[in-house]
Every structure is written in structure tokens, then in C-alpha cells.
Amino acid sequence: MVVRRRFRAVLIPLVAYACAAGLVWYFLHNARIGNRGFDAKQVLKIQIFEVNRELAAARAERAEWDRRLALLQADQVDRDLLEERGRILLGRVHKNDVVIVGP
């Protein structure tokens, strides 16, 4: 009888500590690797950085197109821009121009 009581006195806390340790490990594991864990947060931060970089490039391109469009819509049209667009559309060049054909 005494042996059983000591066995229970040791075994019950040991099982309780093991269950508690398993529960703590489960929550820590999910906090790191789960769908909303630290690793997922790092991946999302990288994606946000890349998307912000693409957004900045798109905004810069739009600003350039807005500037060029403003030159064409003004009361006095920019002659250089008009000549450039005309050459592109008609496929013409001056006799002094050097044409480099790329691959």
C-alpha cells in the first residue's frame, strides 16, 4: 500500500507536468510556424515590401506619362515631342539620323 501511494504521488505530478509541457510546446510551435505565426509574418512583410516597390515604380511611370501627356495637351505643343511621336508612328527618319537596329 505504501508503495502504491508513493508511486501515485510521483506519477500523477509527473503526468501533469508532461501534459502541461506538451500543451506549452503545442502553443509555442503554432506561434512560430502556424498560419498566423512569426514565420508567416516575415513572409507577409517581404511581400508588402515587394508590392510597395512595384507601386513606387508604377507611380513613377504614371508621373512620367502624365508629364508627357501635359506637353501634348498644352496650348503650345512641344515640337520635339510632336516630332518624336510623328517619327515613331510613320517610321521615318532624317537623312542625318543614325539608325541602330537591335535584336
PDB file of N, CA and C in Angstrom:
ATOM      1  N   MET A   1       0.801  -1.194   0.000  1.00  0.00           N
ATOM      2  CA  MET A   1       0.000   0.000   0.000  1.00  0.00           C
ATOM      3  C   MET A   1       0.848   1.265   0.000  1.00  0.00           C
ATOM      4  N   VAL A   2       1.895   1.250   0.794  1.00  0.00           N
ATOM      5  CA  VAL A   2       2.746   2.422   0.891  1.00  0.00           C
ATOM      6  C   VAL A   2       3.434   2.669  -0.448  1.00  0.00           C
ATOM      7  N   VAL A   3       3.815   1.597  -1.101  1.00  0.00           N
ATOM      8  CA  VAL A   3       4.482   1.726  -2.397  1.00  0.00           C
ATOM      9  C   VAL A   3       3.524   2.322  -3.417  1.00  0.00           C
ATOM     10  N   ARG A   4       2.282   1.901  -3.409  1.00  0.00           N
ATOM     11  CA  ARG A   4       1.293   2.441  -4.336  1.00  0.00           C
ATOM     12  C   ARG A   4       1.065   3.928  -4.116  1.00  0.00           C
ATOM     13  N   ARG A   5       1.002   4.340  -2.885  1.00  0.00           N
ATOM     14  CA  ARG A   5       0.786   5.754  -2.583  1.00  0.00           C
ATOM     15  C   ARG A   5       1.971   6.588  -3.064  1.00  0.00           C
ATOM     16  N   ARG A   6       3.183   6.095  -2.832  1.00  0.00           N
ATOM     17  CA  ARG A   6       4.364   6.827  -3.308  1.00  0.00           C
ATOM     18  C   ARG A   6       4.415   6.838  -4.838  1.00  0.00           C
ATOM     19  N   PHE A   7       4.047   5.708  -5.425  1.00  0.00           N
ATOM     20  CA  PHE A   7       4.015   5.627  -6.892  1.00  0.00           C
ATOM     21  C   PHE A   7       3.028   6.644  -7.463  1.00  0.00           C
ATOM     22  N   ARG A   8       1.833   6.709  -6.861  1.00  0.00           N
ATOM     23  CA  ARG A   8       0.837   7.697  -7.285  1.00  0.00           C
ATOM     24  C   ARG A   8       1.306   9.116  -6.994  1.00  0.00           C
ATOM     25  N   ALA A   9       1.938   9.314  -5.890  1.00  0.00           N
ATOM     26  CA  ALA A   9       2.412  10.644  -5.506  1.00  0.00           C
ATOM     27  C   ALA A   9       3.476  11.148  -6.482  1.00  0.00           C
ATOM     28  N   VAL A  10       4.213  10.254  -7.080  1.00  0.00           N
ATOM     29  CA  VAL A  10       5.235  10.637  -8.053  1.00  0.00           C
ATOM     30  C   VAL A  10       4.651  10.651  -9.460  1.00  0.00           C
ATOM     31  N   LEU A  11       3.846   9.675  -9.788  1.00  0.00           N
ATOM     32  CA  LEU A  11       3.336   9.528 -11.151  1.00  0.00           C
ATOM     33  C   LEU A  11       2.335  10.617 -11.534  1.00  0.00           C
ATOM     34  N   ILE A  12       1.422  10.962 -10.666  1.00  0.00           N
ATOM     35  CA  ILE A  12       0.387  11.957 -11.002  1.00  0.00           C
ATOM     36  C   ILE A  12       1.009  13.331 -11.302  1.00  0.00           C
ATOM     37  N   PRO A  13       1.906  13.871 -10.480  1.00  0.00           N
ATOM     38  CA  PRO A  13       2.533  15.145 -10.855  1.00  0.00           C
ATOM     39  C   PRO A  13       3.379  15.033 -12.115  1.00  0.00           C
ATOM     40  N   LEU A  14       4.048  13.894 -12.295  1.00  0.00           N
ATOM     41  CA  LEU A  14       4.860  13.698 -13.493  1.00  0.00           C
ATOM     42  C   LEU A  14       3.996  13.736 -14.758  1.00  0.00           C
ATOM     43  N   VAL A  15       2.863  13.080 -14.734  1.00  0.00           N
ATOM     44  CA  VAL A  15       1.935  13.100 -15.875  1.00  0.00           C
ATOM     45  C   VAL A  15       1.373  14.503 -16.071  1.00  0.00           C
ATOM     46  N   ALA A  16       1.047  15.188 -14.994  1.00  0.00           N
ATOM     47  CA  ALA A  16       0.513  16.550 -15.097  1.00  0.00           C
ATOM     48  C   ALA A  16       1.547  17.494 -15.709  1.00  0.00           C
ATOM     49  N   TYR A  17       2.816  17.388 -15.275  1.00  0.00           N
ATOM     50  CA  TYR A  17       3.874  18.226 -15.845  1.00  0.00           C
ATOM     51  C   TYR A  17       4.115  17.899 -17.319  1.00  0.00           C
ATOM     52  N   ALA A  18       4.056  16.627 -17.660  1.00  0.00           N
ATOM     53  CA  ALA A  18       4.248  16.232 -19.061  1.00  0.00           C
ATOM     54  C   ALA A  18       3.124  16.781 -19.935  1.00  0.00           C
ATOM     55  N   CYS A  19       1.883  16.713 -19.441  1.00  0.00           N
ATOM     56  CA  CYS A  19       0.752  17.272 -20.206  1.00  0.00           C
ATOM     57  C   CYS A  19       0.895  18.786 -20.353  1.00  0.00           C
ATOM     58  N   ALA A  20       1.290  19.444 -19.272  1.00  0.00           N
ATOM     59  CA  ALA A  20       1.473  20.903 -19.324  1.00  0.00           C
ATOM     60  C   ALA A  20       2.599  21.272 -20.289  1.00  0.00           C
ATOM     61  N   ALA A  21       3.696  20.512 -20.252  1.00  0.00           N
ATOM     62  CA  ALA A  21       4.808  20.774 -21.168  1.00  0.00           C
ATOM     63  C   ALA A  21       4.381  20.545 -22.611  1.00  0.00           C
ATOM     64  N   GLY A  22       3.614  19.504 -22.866  1.00  0.00           N
ATOM     65  CA  GLY A  22       3.112  19.256 -24.219  1.00  0.00           C
ATOM     66  C   GLY A  22       2.196  20.364 -24.696  1.00  0.00           C
ATOM     67  N   LEU A  23       1.368  20.860 -23.824  1.00  0.00           N
ATOM     68  CA  LEU A  23       0.461  21.950 -24.176  1.00  0.00           C
ATOM     69  C   LEU A  23       1.236  23.232 -24.474  1.00  0.00           C
ATOM     70  N   VAL A  24       2.226  23.534 -23.647  1.00  0.00           N
ATOM     71  CA  VAL A  24       3.062  24.722 -23.885  1.00  0.00           C
ATOM     72  C   VAL A  24       3.815  24.581 -25.199  1.00  0.00           C
ATOM     73  N   TRP A  25       4.379  23.390 -25.457  1.00  0.00           N
ATOM     74  CA  TRP A  25       5.100  23.169 -26.714  1.00  0.00           C
ATOM     75  C   TRP A  25       4.177  23.355 -27.905  1.00  0.00           C
ATOM     76  N   TYR A  26       2.948  22.870 -27.822  1.00  0.00           N
ATOM     77  CA  TYR A  26       1.979  22.986 -28.914  1.00  0.00           C
ATOM     78  C   TYR A  26       1.716  24.458 -29.238  1.00  0.00           C
ATOM     79  N   PHE A  27       1.466  25.265 -28.219  1.00  0.00           N
ATOM     80  CA  PHE A  27       1.174  26.675 -28.469  1.00  0.00           C
ATOM     81  C   PHE A  27       2.398  27.434 -28.964  1.00  0.00           C
ATOM     82  N   LEU A  28       3.568  27.135 -28.438  1.00  0.00           N
ATOM     83  CA  LEU A  28       4.785  27.786 -28.925  1.00  0.00           C
ATOM     84  C   LEU A  28       5.089  27.397 -30.366  1.00  0.00           C
ATOM     85  N   HIS A  29       4.865  26.132 -30.691  1.00  0.00           N
ATOM     86  CA  HIS A  29       5.092  25.663 -32.066  1.00  0.00           C
ATOM     87  C   HIS A  29       4.155  26.388 -33.039  1.00  0.00           C
ATOM     88  N   ASN A  30       2.887  26.500 -32.681  1.00  0.00           N
ATOM     89  CA  ASN A  30       1.940  27.198 -33.553  1.00  0.00           C
ATOM     90  C   ASN A  30       2.204  28.693 -33.606  1.00  0.00           C
ATOM     91  N   ALA A  31       2.724  29.262 -32.536  1.00  0.00           N
ATOM     92  CA  ALA A  31       3.058  30.686 -32.552  1.00  0.00           C
ATOM     93  C   ALA A  31       4.207  30.962 -33.519  1.00  0.00           C
ATOM     94  N   ARG A  32       5.071  29.993 -33.719  1.00  0.00           N
ATOM     95  CA  ARG A  32       6.192  30.190 -34.631  1.00  0.00           C
ATOM     96  C   ARG A  32       5.856  29.784 -36.063  1.00  0.00           C
ATOM     97  N   ILE A  33       5.243  28.631 -36.254  1.00  0.00           N
ATOM     98  CA  ILE A  33       5.084  28.066 -37.590  1.00  0.00           C
ATOM     99  C   ILE A  33       3.638  28.107 -38.083  1.00  0.00           C
ATOM    100  N   GLY A  34       2.693  28.439 -37.282  1.00  0.00           N
ATOM    101  CA  GLY A  34       1.283  28.390 -37.671  1.00  0.00           C
ATOM    102  C   GLY A  34       0.923  29.394 -38.762  1.00  0.00           C
ATOM    103  N   ASN A  35      -0.336  29.394 -39.171  1.00  0.00           N
ATOM    104  CA  ASN A  35      -0.807  30.284 -40.235  1.00  0.00           C
ATOM    105  C   ASN A  35      -0.633  31.754 -39.894  1.00  0.00           C
ATOM    106  N   ARG A  36      -0.702  32.089 -38.630  1.00  0.00           N
ATOM    107  CA  ARG A  36      -0.547  33.475 -38.198  1.00  0.00           C
ATOM    108  C   ARG A  36       0.657  33.638 -37.283  1.00  0.00           C
ATOM    109  N   GLY A  37       1.647  32.784 -37.448  1.00  0.00           N
ATOM    110  CA  GLY A  37       2.820  32.798 -36.593  1.00  0.00           C
ATOM    111  C   GLY A  37       3.879  33.773 -37.067  1.00  0.00           C
ATOM    112  N   PHE A  38       5.035  33.694 -36.409  1.00  0.00           N
ATOM    113  CA  PHE A  38       6.133  34.612 -36.700  1.00  0.00           C
ATOM    114  C   PHE A  38       6.689  34.415 -38.110  1.00  0.00           C
ATOM    115  N   ASP A  39       6.794  33.175 -38.566  1.00  0.00           N
ATOM    116  CA  ASP A  39       7.306  32.915 -39.913  1.00  0.00           C
ATOM    117  C   ASP A  39       6.366  33.468 -40.976  1.00  0.00           C
ATOM    118  N   ALA A  40       5.074  33.312 -40.781  1.00  0.00           N
ATOM    119  CA  ALA A  40       4.097  33.853 -41.730  1.00  0.00           C
ATOM    120  C   ALA A  40       4.153  35.374 -41.736  1.00  0.00           C
ATOM    121  N   LYS A  41       4.411  35.964 -40.593  1.00  0.00           N
ATOM    122  CA  LYS A  41       4.507  37.421 -40.509  1.00  0.00           C
ATOM    123  C   LYS A  41       5.711  37.913 -41.307  1.00  0.00           C
ATOM    124  N   GLN A  42       6.834  37.194 -41.239  1.00  0.00           N
ATOM    125  CA  GLN A  42       8.012  37.563 -42.017  1.00  0.00           C
ATOM    126  C   GLN A  42       7.731  37.480 -43.518  1.00  0.00           C
ATOM    127  N   VAL A  43       7.060  36.430 -43.946  1.00  0.00           N
ATOM    128  CA  VAL A  43       6.723  36.273 -45.365  1.00  0.00           C
ATOM    129  C   VAL A  43       5.819  37.421 -45.822  1.00  0.00           C
ATOM    130  N   LEU A  44       4.846  37.783 -44.998  1.00  0.00           N
ATOM    131  CA  LEU A  44       3.952  38.886 -45.342  1.00  0.00           C
ATOM    132  C   LEU A  44       4.698  40.216 -45.410  1.00  0.00           C
ATOM    133  N   LYS A  45       5.654  40.431 -44.519  1.00  0.00           N
ATOM    134  CA  LYS A  45       6.443  41.667 -44.565  1.00  0.00           C
ATOM    135  C   LYS A  45       7.250  41.753 -45.853  1.00  0.00           C
ATOM    136  N   ILE A  46       7.815  40.637 -46.290  1.00  0.00           N
ATOM    137  CA  ILE A  46       8.580  40.614 -47.543  1.00  0.00           C
ATOM    138  C   ILE A  46       7.660  40.911 -48.723  1.00  0.00           C
ATOM    139  N   GLN A  47       6.480  40.310 -48.731  1.00  0.00           N
ATOM    140  CA  GLN A  47       5.523  40.565 -49.813  1.00  0.00           C
ATOM    141  C   GLN A  47       5.083  42.020 -49.817  1.00  0.00           C
ATOM    142  N   ILE A  48       4.848  42.594 -48.654  1.00  0.00           N
ATOM    143  CA  ILE A  48       4.453  44.009 -48.573  1.00  0.00           C
ATOM    144  C   ILE A  48       5.558  44.892 -49.121  1.00  0.00           C
ATOM    145  N   PHE A  49       6.821  44.582 -48.793  1.00  0.00           N
ATOM    146  CA  PHE A  49       7.944  45.368 -49.295  1.00  0.00           C
ATOM    147  C   PHE A  49       8.015  45.313 -50.820  1.00  0.00           C
ATOM    148  N   GLU A  50       7.853  44.114 -51.397  1.00  0.00           N
ATOM    149  CA  GLU A  50       7.917  43.968 -52.852  1.00  0.00           C
ATOM    150  C   GLU A  50       6.766  44.695 -53.539  1.00  0.00           C
ATOM    151  N   VAL A  51       5.574  44.602 -52.973  1.00  0.00           N
ATOM    152  CA  VAL A  51       4.411  45.271 -53.568  1.00  0.00           C
ATOM    153  C   VAL A  51       4.574  46.791 -53.481  1.00  0.00           C
ATOM    154  N   ASN A  52       5.117  47.288 -52.372  1.00  0.00           N
ATOM    155  CA  ASN A  52       5.351  48.728 -52.250  1.00  0.00           C
ATOM    156  C   ASN A  52       6.382  49.215 -53.254  1.00  0.00           C
ATOM    157  N   ARG A  53       7.395  48.373 -53.520  1.00  0.00           N
ATOM    158  CA  ARG A  53       8.399  48.744 -54.520  1.00  0.00           C
ATOM    159  C   ARG A  53       7.763  48.801 -55.917  1.00  0.00           C
ATOM    160  N   GLU A  54       6.911  47.819 -56.239  1.00  0.00           N
ATOM    161  CA  GLU A  54       6.214  47.839 -57.528  1.00  0.00           C
ATOM    162  C   GLU A  54       5.285  49.046 -57.629  1.00  0.00           C
ATOM    163  N   LEU A  55       4.629  49.391 -56.522  1.00  0.00           N
ATOM    164  CA  LEU A  55       3.744  50.553 -56.504  1.00  0.00           C
ATOM    165  C   LEU A  55       4.523  51.835 -56.757  1.00  0.00           C
ATOM    166  N   ALA A  56       5.696  51.966 -56.162  1.00  0.00           N
ATOM    167  CA  ALA A  56       6.524  53.154 -56.383  1.00  0.00           C
ATOM    168  C   ALA A  56       6.955  53.250 -57.846  1.00  0.00           C
ATOM    169  N   ALA A  57       7.309  52.111 -58.450  1.00  0.00           N
ATOM    170  CA  ALA A  57       7.698  52.114 -59.864  1.00  0.00           C
ATOM    171  C   ALA A  57       6.508  52.493 -60.749  1.00  0.00           C
ATOM    172  N   ALA A  58       5.329  51.976 -60.426  1.00  0.00           N
ATOM    173  CA  ALA A  58       4.137  52.304 -61.216  1.00  0.00           C
ATOM    174  C   ALA A  58       3.779  53.782 -61.069  1.00  0.00           C
ATOM    175  N   ARG A  59       3.926  54.329 -59.871  1.00  0.00           N
ATOM    176  CA  ARG A  59       3.638  55.757 -59.670  1.00  0.00           C
ATOM    177  C   ARG A  59       4.617  56.629 -60.440  1.00  0.00           C
ATOM    178  N   ALA A  60       5.895  56.217 -60.468  1.00  0.00           N
ATOM    179  CA  ALA A  60       6.892  56.980 -61.222  1.00  0.00           C
ATOM    180  C   ALA A  60       6.588  56.930 -62.715  1.00  0.00           C
ATOM    181  N   GLU A  61       6.206  55.765 -63.202  1.00  0.00           N
ATOM    182  CA  GLU A  61       5.860  55.645 -64.624  1.00  0.00           C
ATOM    183  C   GLU A  61       4.634  56.483 -64.959  1.00  0.00           C
ATOM    184  N   ARG A  62       3.652  56.474 -64.072  1.00  0.00           N
ATOM    185  CA  ARG A  62       2.454  57.272 -64.312  1.00  0.00           C
ATOM    186  C   ARG A  62       2.786  58.766 -64.313  1.00  0.00           C
ATOM    187  N   ALA A  63       3.654  59.192 -63.406  1.00  0.00           N
ATOM    188  CA  ALA A  63       4.051  60.602 -63.372  1.00  0.00           C
ATOM    189  C   ALA A  63       4.741  60.993 -64.676  1.00  0.00           C
ATOM    190  N   GLU A  64       5.576  60.099 -65.202  1.00  0.00           N
ATOM    191  CA  GLU A  64       6.244  60.380 -66.476  1.00  0.00           C
ATOM    192  C   GLU A  64       5.230  60.487 -67.615  1.00  0.00           C
ATOM    193  N   TRP A  65       4.252  59.573 -67.649  1.00  0.00           N
ATOM    194  CA  TRP A  65       3.234  59.636 -68.700  1.00  0.00           C
ATOM    195  C   TRP A  65       2.350  60.877 -68.539  1.00  0.00           C
ATOM    196  N   ASP A  66       2.034  61.251 -67.312  1.00  0.00           N
ATOM    197  CA  ASP A  66       1.253  62.474 -67.083  1.00  0.00           C
ATOM    198  C   ASP A  66       2.012  63.707 -67.575  1.00  0.00           C
ATOM    199  N   ARG A  67       3.322  63.727 -67.335  1.00  0.00           N
ATOM    200  CA  ARG A  67       4.138  64.861 -67.794  1.00  0.00           C
ATOM    201  C   ARG A  67       4.150  64.932 -69.321  1.00  0.00           C
ATOM    202  N   ARG A  68       4.335  63.780 -69.960  1.00  0.00           N
ATOM    203  CA  ARG A  68       4.357  63.771 -71.433  1.00  0.00           C
ATOM    204  C   ARG A  68       2.994  64.130 -72.015  1.00  0.00           C
ATOM    205  N   LEU A  69       1.950  63.676 -71.375  1.00  0.00           N
ATOM    206  CA  LEU A  69       0.600  63.989 -71.835  1.00  0.00           C
ATOM    207  C   LEU A  69       0.306  65.474 -71.684  1.00  0.00           C
ATOM    208  N   ALA A  70       0.789  66.068 -70.614  1.00  0.00           N
ATOM    209  CA  ALA A  70       0.590  67.500 -70.409  1.00  0.00           C
ATOM    210  C   ALA A  70       1.302  68.302 -71.491  1.00  0.00           C
ATOM    211  N   LEU A  71       2.445  67.806 -71.964  1.00  0.00           N
ATOM    212  CA  LEU A  71       3.152  68.504 -73.041  1.00  0.00           C
ATOM    213  C   LEU A  71       2.356  68.450 -74.344  1.00  0.00           C
ATOM    214  N   LEU A  72       1.628  67.371 -74.572  1.00  0.00           N
ATOM    215  CA  LEU A  72       0.842  67.269 -75.797  1.00  0.00           C
ATOM    216  C   LEU A  72      -0.485  68.010 -75.703  1.00  0.00           C
ATOM    217  N   GLN A  73      -1.019  68.226 -74.521  1.00  0.00           N
ATOM    218  CA  GLN A  73      -2.325  68.853 -74.359  1.00  0.00           C
ATOM    219  C   GLN A  73      -2.251  70.359 -74.148  1.00  0.00           C
ATOM    220  N   ALA A  74      -1.080  70.895 -74.024  1.00  0.00           N
ATOM    221  CA  ALA A  74      -0.954  72.326 -73.762  1.00  0.00           C
ATOM    222  C   ALA A  74      -1.375  73.125 -74.993  1.00  0.00           C
ATOM    223  N   ASP A  75      -1.584  74.428 -74.799  1.00  0.00           N
ATOM    224  CA  ASP A  75      -1.933  75.310 -75.929  1.00  0.00           C
ATOM    225  C   ASP A  75      -0.805  75.343 -76.951  1.00  0.00           C
ATOM    226  N   GLN A  76       0.409  75.347 -76.489  1.00  0.00           N
ATOM    227  CA  GLN A  76       1.573  75.313 -77.365  1.00  0.00           C
ATOM    228  C   GLN A  76       2.196  73.919 -77.258  1.00  0.00           C
ATOM    229  N   VAL A  77       2.074  73.100 -78.300  1.00  0.00           N
ATOM    230  CA  VAL A  77       2.567  71.732 -78.295  1.00  0.00           C
ATOM    231  C   VAL A  77       4.087  71.744 -78.388  1.00  0.00           C
ATOM    232  N   ASP A  78       4.740  70.898 -77.606  1.00  0.00           N
ATOM    233  CA  ASP A  78       6.189  70.778 -77.639  1.00  0.00           C
ATOM    234  C   ASP A  78       6.594  70.160 -78.980  1.00  0.00           C
ATOM    235  N   ARG A  79       7.403  70.886 -79.741  1.00  0.00           N
ATOM    236  CA  ARG A  79       7.753  70.442 -81.091  1.00  0.00           C
ATOM    237  C   ARG A  79       8.620  69.187 -81.086  1.00  0.00           C
ATOM    238  N   ASP A  80       9.520  69.092 -80.159  1.00  0.00           N
ATOM    239  CA  ASP A  80      10.381  67.901 -80.101  1.00  0.00           C
ATOM    240  C   ASP A  80       9.559  66.635 -79.840  1.00  0.00           C
ATOM    241  N   LEU A  81       8.637  66.732 -78.921  1.00  0.00           N
ATOM    242  CA  LEU A  81       7.801  65.578 -78.611  1.00  0.00           C
ATOM    243  C   LEU A  81       6.896  65.228 -79.786  1.00  0.00           C
ATOM    244  N   LEU A  82       6.352  66.240 -80.435  1.00  0.00           N
ATOM    245  CA  LEU A  82       5.499  66.007 -81.600  1.00  0.00           C
ATOM    246  C   LEU A  82       6.295  65.352 -82.733  1.00  0.00           C
ATOM    247  N   GLU A  83       7.528  65.824 -82.947  1.00  0.00           N
ATOM    248  CA  GLU A  83       8.369  65.237 -83.988  1.00  0.00           C
ATOM    249  C   GLU A  83       8.723  63.788 -83.643  1.00  0.00           C
ATOM    250  N   GLU A  84       9.037  63.544 -82.393  1.00  0.00           N
ATOM    251  CA  GLU A  84       9.361  62.182 -81.963  1.00  0.00           C
ATOM    252  C   GLU A  84       8.189  61.234 -82.180  1.00  0.00           C
ATOM    253  N   ARG A  85       6.997  61.644 -81.789  1.00  0.00           N
ATOM    254  CA  ARG A  85       5.807  60.797 -81.976  1.00  0.00           C
ATOM    255  C   ARG A  85       5.515  60.582 -83.461  1.00  0.00           C
ATOM    256  N   GLY A  86       5.684  61.635 -84.262  1.00  0.00           N
ATOM    257  CA  GLY A  86       5.454  61.506 -85.703  1.00  0.00           C
ATOM    258  C   GLY A  86       6.423  60.527 -86.346  1.00  0.00           C
ATOM    259  N   ARG A  87       7.673  60.565 -85.939  1.00  0.00           N
ATOM    260  CA  ARG A  87       8.662  59.638 -86.483  1.00  0.00           C
ATOM    261  C   ARG A  87       8.340  58.198 -86.081  1.00  0.00           C
ATOM    262  N   ILE A  88       7.915  58.011 -84.848  1.00  0.00           N
ATOM    263  CA  ILE A  88       7.589  56.661 -84.398  1.00  0.00           C
ATOM    264  C   ILE A  88       6.391  56.116 -85.157  1.00  0.00           C
ATOM    265  N   LEU A  89       5.370  56.931 -85.321  1.00  0.00           N
ATOM    266  CA  LEU A  89       4.153  56.463 -85.987  1.00  0.00           C
ATOM    267  C   LEU A  89       4.354  56.230 -87.482  1.00  0.00           C
ATOM    268  N   LEU A  90       5.111  57.108 -88.124  1.00  0.00           N
ATOM    269  CA  LEU A  90       5.293  56.990 -89.571  1.00  0.00           C
ATOM    270  C   LEU A  90       6.494  56.135 -89.965  1.00  0.00           C
ATOM    271  N   GLY A  91       7.385  55.887 -89.028  1.00  0.00           N
ATOM    272  CA  GLY A  91       8.560  55.081 -89.340  1.00  0.00           C
ATOM    273  C   GLY A  91       9.549  55.824 -90.217  1.00  0.00           C
ATOM    274  N   ARG A  92       9.609  57.122 -90.101  1.00  0.00           N
ATOM    275  CA  ARG A  92      10.502  57.938 -90.941  1.00  0.00           C
ATOM    276  C   ARG A  92      11.692  58.431 -90.130  1.00  0.00           C
ATOM    277  N   VAL A  93      12.777  58.690 -90.821  1.00  0.00           N
ATOM    278  CA  VAL A  93      13.968  59.256 -90.207  1.00  0.00           C
ATOM    279  C   VAL A  93      14.529  60.324 -91.134  1.00  0.00           C
ATOM    280  N   HIS A  94      15.333  61.217 -90.559  1.00  0.00           N
ATOM    281  CA  HIS A  94      16.031  62.216 -91.373  1.00  0.00           C
ATOM    282  C   HIS A  94      17.244  61.583 -92.018  1.00  0.00           C
ATOM    283  N   LYS A  95      17.792  62.258 -93.026  1.00  0.00           N
ATOM    284  CA  LYS A  95      18.956  61.694 -93.710  1.00  0.00           C
ATOM    285  C   LYS A  95      20.207  61.724 -92.823  1.00  0.00           C
ATOM    286  N   ASN A  96      20.233  62.584 -91.807  1.00  0.00           N
ATOM    287  CA  ASN A  96      21.404  62.668 -90.925  1.00  0.00           C
ATOM    288  C   ASN A  96      21.288  61.749 -89.700  1.00  0.00           C
ATOM    289  N   ASP A  97      20.157  61.086 -89.535  1.00  0.00           N
ATOM    290  CA  ASP A  97      19.956  60.240 -88.362  1.00  0.00           C
ATOM    291  C   ASP A  97      20.690  58.908 -88.525  1.00  0.00           C
ATOM    292  N   VAL A  98      21.174  58.389 -87.420  1.00  0.00           N
ATOM    293  CA  VAL A  98      21.806  57.070 -87.394  1.00  0.00           C
ATOM    294  C   VAL A  98      20.798  56.109 -86.768  1.00  0.00           C
ATOM    295  N   VAL A  99      20.485  55.054 -87.476  1.00  0.00           N
ATOM    296  CA  VAL A  99      19.510  54.079 -87.002  1.00  0.00           C
ATOM    297  C   VAL A  99      20.264  52.814 -86.601  1.00  0.00           C
ATOM    298  N   ILE A 100      20.053  52.383 -85.350  1.00  0.00           N
ATOM    299  CA  ILE A 100      20.674  51.164 -84.847  1.00  0.00           C
ATOM    300  C   ILE A 100      19.546  50.162 -84.642  1.00  0.00           C
ATOM    301  N   VAL A 101      19.609  49.081 -85.380  1.00  0.00           N
ATOM    302  CA  VAL A 101      18.575  48.051 -85.285  1.00  0.00           C
ATOM    303  C   VAL A 101      19.036  47.032 -84.253  1.00  0.00           C
ATOM    304  N   GLY A 102      18.216  46.841 -83.239  1.00  0.00           N
ATOM    305  CA  GLY A 102      18.571  45.903 -82.161  1.00  0.00           C
ATOM    306  C   GLY A 102      18.013  44.516 -82.458  1.00  0.00           C
ATOM    307  N   PRO A 103      18.423  43.559 -81.646  1.00  0.00           N
ATOM    308  CA  PRO A 103      17.983  42.171 -81.858  1.00  0.00           C
ATOM    309  C   PRO A 103      16.515  41.978 -81.558  1.00  0.00           C
TER     310      PRO A 103
END
